Amino acid sequence: ELSLDYSPAPATTTYQTECRYDYPDGRSFSVTSTGDVQ
């Protein structure tokens, strides 16, 4: 969970982040998440 702080949004906006999980056995998996700000 990312907590985000910003100035009051002038309009509804969509953004994306990509997060990678690095496993203890050397494997990695990436997850793309889309956020909406009103």
PDB file of all heavy atoms in Angstrom:
ATOM      1  N   GLU A   1       0.858  -1.190   0.000  1.00  0.00           N
ATOM      2  CA  GLU A   1       0.000   0.000   0.000  1.00  0.00           C
ATOM      3  C   GLU A   1       0.891   1.235   0.000  1.00  0.00           C
ATOM      4  O   GLU A   1       1.700   1.424   0.896  1.00  0.00           O
ATOM      5  CB  GLU A   1      -0.898   0.011   1.230  1.00  0.00           C
ATOM      6  CG  GLU A   1      -1.797   1.252   1.310  1.00  0.00           C
ATOM      7  CD  GLU A   1      -2.501   1.337   2.656  1.00  0.00           C
ATOM      8  OE1 GLU A   1      -3.536   0.666   2.819  1.00  0.00           O
ATOM      9  OE2 GLU A   1      -1.979   2.057   3.548  1.00  0.00           O
ATOM     10  N   LEU A   2       0.737   2.056  -1.023  1.00  0.00           N
ATOM     11  CA  LEU A   2       1.438   3.330  -1.109  1.00  0.00           C
ATOM     12  C   LEU A   2       0.523   4.431  -0.587  1.00  0.00           C
ATOM     13  O   LEU A   2      -0.640   4.523  -0.990  1.00  0.00           O
ATOM     14  CB  LEU A   2       1.813   3.647  -2.555  1.00  0.00           C
ATOM     15  CG  LEU A   2       2.932   2.830  -3.198  1.00  0.00           C
ATOM     16  CD1 LEU A   2       2.935   3.048  -4.698  1.00  0.00           C
ATOM     17  CD2 LEU A   2       4.282   3.228  -2.612  1.00  0.00           C
ATOM     18  N   SER A   3       1.051   5.268   0.310  1.00  0.00           N
ATOM     19  CA  SER A   3       0.314   6.433   0.782  1.00  0.00           C
ATOM     20  C   SER A   3       0.858   7.647   0.043  1.00  0.00           C
ATOM     21  O   SER A   3       2.075   7.900   0.055  1.00  0.00           O
ATOM     22  CB  SER A   3       0.501   6.606   2.292  1.00  0.00           C
ATOM     23  OG  SER A   3      -0.134   7.784   2.743  1.00  0.00           O
ATOM     24  N   LEU A   4      -0.017   8.398  -0.609  1.00  0.00           N
ATOM     25  CA  LEU A   4       0.385   9.512  -1.462  1.00  0.00           C
ATOM     26  C   LEU A   4      -0.162  10.835  -0.940  1.00  0.00           C
ATOM     27  O   LEU A   4      -1.293  10.917  -0.482  1.00  0.00           O
ATOM     28  CB  LEU A   4      -0.111   9.288  -2.892  1.00  0.00           C
ATOM     29  CG  LEU A   4       0.438   8.042  -3.598  1.00  0.00           C
ATOM     30  CD1 LEU A   4      -0.364   7.750  -4.848  1.00  0.00           C
ATOM     31  CD2 LEU A   4       1.908   8.241  -3.941  1.00  0.00           C
ATOM     32  N   ASP A   5       0.669  11.856  -1.040  1.00  0.00           N
ATOM     33  CA  ASP A   5       0.294  13.203  -0.617  1.00  0.00           C
ATOM     34  C   ASP A   5       0.524  14.138  -1.798  1.00  0.00           C
ATOM     35  O   ASP A   5       1.560  14.048  -2.481  1.00  0.00           O
ATOM     36  CB  ASP A   5       1.170  13.611   0.578  1.00  0.00           C
ATOM     37  CG  ASP A   5       0.749  14.952   1.155  1.00  0.00           C
ATOM     38  OD1 ASP A   5      -0.396  15.358   0.952  1.00  0.00           O
ATOM     39  OD2 ASP A   5       1.593  15.608   1.811  1.00  0.00           O
ATOM     40  N   TYR A   6      -0.420  15.044  -2.077  1.00  0.00           N
ATOM     41  CA  TYR A   6      -0.283  15.964  -3.206  1.00  0.00           C
ATOM     42  C   TYR A   6      -1.192  17.171  -2.993  1.00  0.00           C
ATOM     43  O   TYR A   6      -2.079  17.172  -2.130  1.00  0.00           O
ATOM     44  CB  TYR A   6      -0.647  15.271  -4.529  1.00  0.00           C
ATOM     45  CG  TYR A   6      -1.831  14.329  -4.437  1.00  0.00           C
ATOM     46  CD1 TYR A   6      -3.133  14.781  -4.591  1.00  0.00           C
ATOM     47  CD2 TYR A   6      -1.633  12.969  -4.191  1.00  0.00           C
ATOM     48  CE1 TYR A   6      -4.211  13.931  -4.498  1.00  0.00           C
ATOM     49  CE2 TYR A   6      -2.705  12.100  -4.099  1.00  0.00           C
ATOM     50  CZ  TYR A   6      -4.002  12.575  -4.248  1.00  0.00           C
ATOM     51  OH  TYR A   6      -5.064  11.715  -4.150  1.00  0.00           O
ATOM     52  N   SER A   7      -0.954  18.205  -3.766  1.00  0.00           N
ATOM     53  CA  SER A   7      -1.820  19.380  -3.708  1.00  0.00           C
ATOM     54  C   SER A   7      -3.188  19.012  -4.277  1.00  0.00           C
ATOM     55  O   SER A   7      -3.302  18.073  -5.076  1.00  0.00           O
ATOM     56  CB  SER A   7      -1.208  20.531  -4.511  1.00  0.00           C
ATOM     57  OG  SER A   7       0.035  20.916  -3.958  1.00  0.00           O
ATOM     58  N   PRO A   8      -4.249  19.718  -3.871  1.00  0.00           N
ATOM     59  CA  PRO A   8      -5.585  19.380  -4.377  1.00  0.00           C
ATOM     60  C   PRO A   8      -5.604  19.220  -5.888  1.00  0.00           C
ATOM     61  O   PRO A   8      -5.162  20.104  -6.632  1.00  0.00           O
ATOM     62  CB  PRO A   8      -6.431  20.574  -3.920  1.00  0.00           C
ATOM     63  CG  PRO A   8      -5.756  21.026  -2.661  1.00  0.00           C
ATOM     64  CD  PRO A   8      -4.281  20.856  -2.931  1.00  0.00           C
ATOM     65  N   ALA A   9      -6.093  18.068  -6.344  1.00  0.00           N
ATOM     66  CA  ALA A   9      -6.076  17.755  -7.774  1.00  0.00           C
ATOM     67  C   ALA A   9      -7.049  18.662  -8.536  1.00  0.00           C
ATOM     68  O   ALA A   9      -8.216  18.775  -8.162  1.00  0.00           O
ATOM     69  CB  ALA A   9      -6.447  16.297  -7.981  1.00  0.00           C
ATOM     70  N   PRO A  10      -6.580  19.302  -9.618  1.00  0.00           N
ATOM     71  CA  PRO A  10      -7.453  20.191 -10.391  1.00  0.00           C
ATOM     72  C   PRO A  10      -8.462  19.427 -11.241  1.00  0.00           C
ATOM     73  O   PRO A  10      -9.475  19.995 -11.673  1.00  0.00           O
ATOM     74  CB  PRO A  10      -6.474  20.967 -11.269  1.00  0.00           C
ATOM     75  CG  PRO A  10      -5.298  20.049 -11.407  1.00  0.00           C
ATOM     76  CD  PRO A  10      -5.197  19.312 -10.109  1.00  0.00           C
ATOM     77  N   ALA A  11      -8.179  18.131 -11.495  1.00  0.00           N
ATOM     78  CA  ALA A  11      -9.078  17.333 -12.325  1.00  0.00           C
ATOM     79  C   ALA A  11      -8.864  15.858 -12.009  1.00  0.00           C
ATOM     80  O   ALA A  11      -7.857  15.477 -11.420  1.00  0.00           O
ATOM     81  CB  ALA A  11      -8.821  17.601 -13.809  1.00  0.00           C
ATOM     82  N   THR A  12      -9.816  15.029 -12.408  1.00  0.00           N
ATOM     83  CA  THR A  12      -9.679  13.589 -12.222  1.00  0.00           C
ATOM     84  C   THR A  12      -8.499  13.079 -13.052  1.00  0.00           C
ATOM     85  O   THR A  12      -8.381  13.416 -14.234  1.00  0.00           O
ATOM     86  CB  THR A  12     -10.967  12.866 -12.641  1.00  0.00           C
ATOM     87  OG1 THR A  12     -12.035  13.329 -11.827  1.00  0.00           O
ATOM     88  CG2 THR A  12     -10.826  11.363 -12.490  1.00  0.00           C
ATOM     89  N   THR A  13      -7.634  12.291 -12.434  1.00  0.00           N
ATOM     90  CA  THR A  13      -6.396  11.854 -13.081  1.00  0.00           C
ATOM     91  C   THR A  13      -6.133  10.381 -12.800  1.00  0.00           C
ATOM     92  O   THR A  13      -6.432   9.897 -11.708  1.00  0.00           O
ATOM     93  CB  THR A  13      -5.194  12.677 -12.579  1.00  0.00           C
ATOM     94  OG1 THR A  13      -5.485  14.072 -12.728  1.00  0.00           O
ATOM     95  CG2 THR A  13      -3.933  12.340 -13.346  1.00  0.00           C
ATOM     96  N   THR A  14      -5.574   9.681 -13.776  1.00  0.00           N
ATOM     97  CA  THR A  14      -5.187   8.282 -13.632  1.00  0.00           C
ATOM     98  C   THR A  14      -3.677   8.162 -13.761  1.00  0.00           C
ATOM     99  O   THR A  14      -3.052   8.865 -14.562  1.00  0.00           O
ATOM    100  CB  THR A  14      -5.871   7.416 -14.709  1.00  0.00           C
ATOM    101  OG1 THR A  14      -7.287   7.505 -14.551  1.00  0.00           O
ATOM    102  CG2 THR A  14      -5.450   5.951 -14.581  1.00  0.00           C
ATOM    103  N   TYR A  15      -3.074   7.285 -12.978  1.00  0.00           N
ATOM    104  CA  TYR A  15      -1.628   7.073 -13.036  1.00  0.00           C
ATOM    105  C   TYR A  15      -1.333   5.596 -12.831  1.00  0.00           C
ATOM    106  O   TYR A  15      -2.198   4.825 -12.383  1.00  0.00           O
ATOM    107  CB  TYR A  15      -0.906   7.910 -11.981  1.00  0.00           C
ATOM    108  CG  TYR A  15      -1.264   7.539 -10.559  1.00  0.00           C
ATOM    109  CD1 TYR A  15      -0.509   6.614  -9.845  1.00  0.00           C
ATOM    110  CD2 TYR A  15      -2.381   8.099  -9.925  1.00  0.00           C
ATOM    111  CE1 TYR A  15      -0.846   6.249  -8.545  1.00  0.00           C
ATOM    112  CE2 TYR A  15      -2.725   7.742  -8.631  1.00  0.00           C
ATOM    113  CZ  TYR A  15      -1.957   6.820  -7.946  1.00  0.00           C
ATOM    114  OH  TYR A  15      -2.287   6.455  -6.667  1.00  0.00           O
ATOM    115  N   GLN A  16      -0.114   5.174 -13.153  1.00  0.00           N
ATOM    116  CA  GLN A  16       0.286   3.778 -12.995  1.00  0.00           C
ATOM    117  C   GLN A  16       1.614   3.661 -12.258  1.00  0.00           C
ATOM    118  O   GLN A  16       2.488   4.537 -12.368  1.00  0.00           O
ATOM    119  CB  GLN A  16       0.423   3.095 -14.354  1.00  0.00           C
ATOM    120  CG  GLN A  16      -0.884   2.724 -15.018  1.00  0.00           C
ATOM    121  CD  GLN A  16      -0.680   1.835 -16.228  1.00  0.00           C
ATOM    122  OE1 GLN A  16       0.362   1.864 -16.875  1.00  0.00           O
ATOM    123  NE2 GLN A  16      -1.693   1.030 -16.543  1.00  0.00           N
ATOM    124  N   THR A  17       1.754   2.585 -11.504  1.00  0.00           N
ATOM    125  CA  THR A  17       3.039   2.234 -10.900  1.00  0.00           C
ATOM    126  C   THR A  17       3.313   0.765 -11.194  1.00  0.00           C
ATOM    127  O   THR A  17       2.380  -0.039 -11.340  1.00  0.00           O
ATOM    128  CB  THR A  17       3.052   2.435  -9.370  1.00  0.00           C
ATOM    129  OG1 THR A  17       2.108   1.550  -8.763  1.00  0.00           O
ATOM    130  CG2 THR A  17       2.721   3.870  -9.007  1.00  0.00           C
ATOM    131  N   GLU A  18       4.591   0.431 -11.266  1.00  0.00           N
ATOM    132  CA  GLU A  18       4.998  -0.965 -11.446  1.00  0.00           C
ATOM    133  C   GLU A  18       5.832  -1.379 -10.246  1.00  0.00           C
ATOM    134  O   GLU A  18       6.832  -0.723  -9.928  1.00  0.00           O
ATOM    135  CB  GLU A  18       5.793  -1.164 -12.733  1.00  0.00           C
ATOM    136  CG  GLU A  18       6.168  -2.630 -12.958  1.00  0.00           C
ATOM    137  CD  GLU A  18       6.932  -2.861 -14.249  1.00  0.00           C
ATOM    138  OE1 GLU A  18       6.274  -3.042 -15.295  1.00  0.00           O
ATOM    139  OE2 GLU A  18       8.169  -2.840 -14.214  1.00  0.00           O
ATOM    140  N   CYS A  19       5.425  -2.441  -9.571  1.00  0.00           N
ATOM    141  CA  CYS A  19       6.126  -2.916  -8.384  1.00  0.00           C
ATOM    142  C   CYS A  19       6.642  -4.334  -8.617  1.00  0.00           C
ATOM    143  O   CYS A  19       5.921  -5.183  -9.130  1.00  0.00           O
ATOM    144  CB  CYS A  19       5.217  -2.878  -7.159  1.00  0.00           C
ATOM    145  SG  CYS A  19       4.659  -1.205  -6.744  1.00  0.00           S
ATOM    146  N   ARG A  20       7.878  -4.560  -8.234  1.00  0.00           N
ATOM    147  CA  ARG A  20       8.512  -5.858  -8.437  1.00  0.00           C
ATOM    148  C   ARG A  20       8.729  -6.562  -7.100  1.00  0.00           C
ATOM    149  O   ARG A  20       9.297  -5.979  -6.173  1.00  0.00           O
ATOM    150  CB  ARG A  20       9.856  -5.696  -9.148  1.00  0.00           C
ATOM    151  CG  ARG A  20      10.505  -7.022  -9.593  1.00  0.00           C
ATOM    152  CD  ARG A  20      11.894  -6.788 -10.139  1.00  0.00           C
ATOM    153  NE  ARG A  20      12.815  -6.425  -9.069  1.00  0.00           N
ATOM    154  CZ  ARG A  20      13.848  -5.590  -9.225  1.00  0.00           C
ATOM    155  NH1 ARG A  20      14.070  -5.019 -10.398  1.00  0.00           N
ATOM    156  NH2 ARG A  20      14.653  -5.311  -8.212  1.00  0.00           N
ATOM    157  N   TYR A  21       8.293  -7.801  -7.011  1.00  0.00           N
ATOM    158  CA  TYR A  21       8.507  -8.643  -5.837  1.00  0.00           C
ATOM    159  C   TYR A  21       9.743  -9.502  -6.092  1.00  0.00           C
ATOM    160  O   TYR A  21       9.748 -10.336  -7.011  1.00  0.00           O
ATOM    161  CB  TYR A  21       7.309  -9.556  -5.602  1.00  0.00           C
ATOM    162  CG  TYR A  21       6.115  -8.902  -4.960  1.00  0.00           C
ATOM    163  CD1 TYR A  21       5.432  -7.859  -5.581  1.00  0.00           C
ATOM    164  CD2 TYR A  21       5.631  -9.345  -3.730  1.00  0.00           C
ATOM    165  CE1 TYR A  21       4.322  -7.270  -4.997  1.00  0.00           C
ATOM    166  CE2 TYR A  21       4.517  -8.759  -3.128  1.00  0.00           C
ATOM    167  CZ  TYR A  21       3.873  -7.723  -3.774  1.00  0.00           C
ATOM    168  OH  TYR A  21       2.772  -7.140  -3.193  1.00  0.00           O
ATOM    169  N   ASP A  22      10.793  -9.303  -5.310  1.00  0.00           N
ATOM    170  CA  ASP A  22      11.992 -10.124  -5.401  1.00  0.00           C
ATOM    171  C   ASP A  22      11.931 -11.207  -4.326  1.00  0.00           C
ATOM    172  O   ASP A  22      11.927 -10.909  -3.124  1.00  0.00           O
ATOM    173  CB  ASP A  22      13.254  -9.271  -5.225  1.00  0.00           C
ATOM    174  CG  ASP A  22      13.475  -8.339  -6.396  1.00  0.00           C
ATOM    175  OD1 ASP A  22      13.133  -8.722  -7.530  1.00  0.00           O
ATOM    176  OD2 ASP A  22      13.995  -7.222  -6.190  1.00  0.00           O
ATOM    177  N   TYR A  23      11.870 -12.457  -4.751  1.00  0.00           N
ATOM    178  CA  TYR A  23      11.733 -13.599  -3.854  1.00  0.00           C
ATOM    179  C   TYR A  23      13.071 -13.997  -3.225  1.00  0.00           C
ATOM    180  O   TYR A  23      14.145 -13.698  -3.793  1.00  0.00           O
ATOM    181  CB  TYR A  23      11.198 -14.801  -4.626  1.00  0.00           C
ATOM    182  CG  TYR A  23       9.692 -14.851  -4.760  1.00  0.00           C
ATOM    183  CD1 TYR A  23       8.970 -13.751  -5.220  1.00  0.00           C
ATOM    184  CD2 TYR A  23       8.996 -16.009  -4.442  1.00  0.00           C
ATOM    185  CE1 TYR A  23       7.589 -13.814  -5.353  1.00  0.00           C
ATOM    186  CE2 TYR A  23       7.614 -16.078  -4.574  1.00  0.00           C
ATOM    187  CZ  TYR A  23       6.923 -14.979  -5.025  1.00  0.00           C
ATOM    188  OH  TYR A  23       5.562 -15.042  -5.150  1.00  0.00           O
ATOM    189  N   PRO A  24      13.028 -14.693  -2.100  1.00  0.00           N
ATOM    190  CA  PRO A  24      14.286 -15.149  -1.475  1.00  0.00           C
ATOM    191  C   PRO A  24      15.030 -16.189  -2.306  1.00  0.00           C
ATOM    192  O   PRO A  24      16.233 -16.393  -2.114  1.00  0.00           O
ATOM    193  CB  PRO A  24      13.817 -15.732  -0.134  1.00  0.00           C
ATOM    194  CG  PRO A  24      12.369 -16.033  -0.310  1.00  0.00           C
ATOM    195  CD  PRO A  24      11.854 -15.014  -1.262  1.00  0.00           C
ATOM    196  N   ASP A  25      14.326 -16.847  -3.235  1.00  0.00           N
ATOM    197  CA  ASP A  25      14.983 -17.865  -4.069  1.00  0.00           C
ATOM    198  C   ASP A  25      15.486 -17.309  -5.399  1.00  0.00           C
ATOM    199  O   ASP A  25      15.895 -18.052  -6.285  1.00  0.00           O
ATOM    200  CB  ASP A  25      14.047 -19.050  -4.308  1.00  0.00           C
ATOM    201  CG  ASP A  25      12.732 -18.632  -4.989  1.00  0.00           C
ATOM    202  OD1 ASP A  25      12.648 -17.483  -5.483  1.00  0.00           O
ATOM    203  OD2 ASP A  25      11.791 -19.455  -5.022  1.00  0.00           O
ATOM    204  N   GLY A  26      15.449 -15.979  -5.568  1.00  0.00           N
ATOM    205  CA  GLY A  26      15.997 -15.364  -6.768  1.00  0.00           C
ATOM    206  C   GLY A  26      14.974 -15.025  -7.833  1.00  0.00           C
ATOM    207  O   GLY A  26      15.285 -14.314  -8.801  1.00  0.00           O
ATOM    208  N   ARG A  27      13.761 -15.521  -7.703  1.00  0.00           N
ATOM    209  CA  ARG A  27      12.730 -15.196  -8.687  1.00  0.00           C
ATOM    210  C   ARG A  27      12.197 -13.779  -8.475  1.00  0.00           C
ATOM    211  O   ARG A  27      12.309 -13.229  -7.372  1.00  0.00           O
ATOM    212  CB  ARG A  27      11.569 -16.187  -8.582  1.00  0.00           C
ATOM    213  CG  ARG A  27      11.905 -17.601  -9.020  1.00  0.00           C
ATOM    214  CD  ARG A  27      10.674 -18.497  -8.894  1.00  0.00           C
ATOM    215  NE  ARG A  27      10.278 -18.661  -7.495  1.00  0.00           N
ATOM    216  CZ  ARG A  27       9.067 -19.076  -7.115  1.00  0.00           C
ATOM    217  NH1 ARG A  27       8.132 -19.335  -8.011  1.00  0.00           N
ATOM    218  NH2 ARG A  27       8.789 -19.218  -5.825  1.00  0.00           N
ATOM    219  N   SER A  28      11.606 -13.197  -9.521  1.00  0.00           N
ATOM    220  CA  SER A  28      11.009 -11.872  -9.436  1.00  0.00           C
ATOM    221  C   SER A  28       9.695 -11.856 -10.211  1.00  0.00           C
ATOM    222  O   SER A  28       9.578 -12.500 -11.263  1.00  0.00           O
ATOM    223  CB  SER A  28      11.938 -10.795  -9.999  1.00  0.00           C
ATOM    224  OG  SER A  28      13.105 -10.668  -9.226  1.00  0.00           O
ATOM    225  N   PHE A  29       8.712 -11.128  -9.680  1.00  0.00           N
ATOM    226  CA  PHE A  29       7.426 -10.968 -10.345  1.00  0.00           C
ATOM    227  C   PHE A  29       7.023  -9.494 -10.269  1.00  0.00           C
ATOM    228  O   PHE A  29       7.182  -8.856  -9.231  1.00  0.00           O
ATOM    229  CB  PHE A  29       6.353 -11.833  -9.688  1.00  0.00           C
ATOM    230  CG  PHE A  29       6.627 -13.309  -9.771  1.00  0.00           C
ATOM    231  CD1 PHE A  29       7.300 -13.962  -8.751  1.00  0.00           C
ATOM    232  CD2 PHE A  29       6.229 -14.038 -10.889  1.00  0.00           C
ATOM    233  CE1 PHE A  29       7.563 -15.324  -8.832  1.00  0.00           C
ATOM    234  CE2 PHE A  29       6.492 -15.405 -10.973  1.00  0.00           C
ATOM    235  CZ  PHE A  29       7.161 -16.047  -9.946  1.00  0.00           C
ATOM    236  N   SER A  30       6.509  -8.969 -11.377  1.00  0.00           N
ATOM    237  CA  SER A  30       6.114  -7.562 -11.418  1.00  0.00           C
ATOM    238  C   SER A  30       4.598  -7.421 -11.482  1.00  0.00           C
ATOM    239  O   SER A  30       3.907  -8.243 -12.099  1.00  0.00           O
ATOM    240  CB  SER A  30       6.741  -6.856 -12.628  1.00  0.00           C
ATOM    241  OG  SER A  30       8.150  -6.781 -12.480  1.00  0.00           O
ATOM    242  N   VAL A  31       4.108  -6.373 -10.835  1.00  0.00           N
ATOM    243  CA  VAL A  31       2.675  -6.091 -10.787  1.00  0.00           C
ATOM    244  C   VAL A  31       2.459  -4.629 -11.160  1.00  0.00           C
ATOM    245  O   VAL A  31       3.087  -3.735 -10.583  1.00  0.00           O
ATOM    246  CB  VAL A  31       2.100  -6.339  -9.380  1.00  0.00           C
ATOM    247  CG1 VAL A  31       0.623  -5.988  -9.346  1.00  0.00           C
ATOM    248  CG2 VAL A  31       2.322  -7.776  -8.945  1.00  0.00           C
ATOM    249  N   THR A  32       1.606  -4.361 -12.130  1.00  0.00           N
ATOM    250  CA  THR A  32       1.260  -2.996 -12.507  1.00  0.00           C
ATOM    251  C   THR A  32      -0.062  -2.618 -11.866  1.00  0.00           C
ATOM    252  O   THR A  32      -1.049  -3.359 -11.967  1.00  0.00           O
ATOM    253  CB  THR A  32       1.159  -2.850 -14.034  1.00  0.00           C
ATOM    254  OG1 THR A  32       2.428  -3.146 -14.622  1.00  0.00           O
ATOM    255  CG2 THR A  32       0.763  -1.426 -14.412  1.00  0.00           C
ATOM    256  N   SER A  33      -0.086  -1.485 -11.175  1.00  0.00           N
ATOM    257  CA  SER A  33      -1.297  -1.023 -10.499  1.00  0.00           C
ATOM    258  C   SER A  33      -1.697   0.346 -11.038  1.00  0.00           C
ATOM    259  O   SER A  33      -0.837   1.201 -11.280  1.00  0.00           O
ATOM    260  CB  SER A  33      -1.076  -0.940  -8.986  1.00  0.00           C
ATOM    261  OG  SER A  33      -0.745  -2.208  -8.454  1.00  0.00           O
ATOM    262  N   THR A  34      -2.982   0.549 -11.202  1.00  0.00           N
ATOM    263  CA  THR A  34      -3.512   1.813 -11.701  1.00  0.00           C
ATOM    264  C   THR A  34      -4.264   2.531 -10.591  1.00  0.00           C
ATOM    265  O   THR A  34      -5.094   1.927  -9.903  1.00  0.00           O
ATOM    266  CB  THR A  34      -4.464   1.580 -12.889  1.00  0.00           C
ATOM    267  OG1 THR A  34      -3.745   0.927 -13.945  1.00  0.00           O
ATOM    268  CG2 THR A  34      -5.015   2.901 -13.407  1.00  0.00           C
ATOM    269  N   GLY A  35      -3.949   3.797 -10.402  1.00  0.00           N
ATOM    270  CA  GLY A  35      -4.612   4.591  -9.383  1.00  0.00           C
ATOM    271  C   GLY A  35      -5.437   5.704  -9.997  1.00  0.00           C
ATOM    272  O   GLY A  35      -5.098   6.225 -11.069  1.00  0.00           O
ATOM    273  N   ASP A  36      -6.511   6.048  -9.334  1.00  0.00           N
ATOM    274  CA  ASP A  36      -7.376   7.141  -9.777  1.00  0.00           C
ATOM    275  C   ASP A  36      -7.455   8.202  -8.690  1.00  0.00           C
ATOM    276  O   ASP A  36      -7.663   7.882  -7.514  1.00  0.00           O
ATOM    277  CB  ASP A  36      -8.791   6.634 -10.077  1.00  0.00           C
ATOM    278  CG  ASP A  36      -8.829   5.710 -11.282  1.00  0.00           C
ATOM    279  OD1 ASP A  36      -8.305   6.102 -12.340  1.00  0.00           O
ATOM    280  OD2 ASP A  36      -9.359   4.596 -11.144  1.00  0.00           O
ATOM    281  N   VAL A  37      -7.288   9.443  -9.082  1.00  0.00           N
ATOM    282  CA  VAL A  37      -7.400  10.582  -8.165  1.00  0.00           C
ATOM    283  C   VAL A  37      -8.557  11.448  -8.639  1.00  0.00           C
ATOM    284  O   VAL A  37      -8.625  11.821  -9.821  1.00  0.00           O
ATOM    285  CB  VAL A  37      -6.089  11.390  -8.142  1.00  0.00           C
ATOM    286  CG1 VAL A  37      -6.286  12.718  -7.426  1.00  0.00           C
ATOM    287  CG2 VAL A  37      -4.981  10.586  -7.473  1.00  0.00           C
ATOM    288  N   GLN A  38      -9.446  11.754  -7.728  1.00  0.00           N
ATOM    289  CA  GLN A  38     -10.601  12.581  -8.078  1.00  0.00           C
ATOM    290  C   GLN A  38     -10.298  14.065  -7.851  1.00  0.00           C
ATOM    291  O   GLN A  38      -9.444  14.422  -7.035  1.00  0.00           O
ATOM    292  CB  GLN A  38     -11.805  12.164  -7.238  1.00  0.00           C
ATOM    293  CG  GLN A  38     -12.225  10.711  -7.428  1.00  0.00           C
ATOM    294  CD  GLN A  38     -12.614  10.388  -8.852  1.00  0.00           C
ATOM    295  OE1 GLN A  38     -13.367  11.148  -9.470  1.00  0.00           O
ATOM    296  NE2 GLN A  38     -12.111   9.284  -9.389  1.00  0.00           N
TER     297      GLN A  38
END
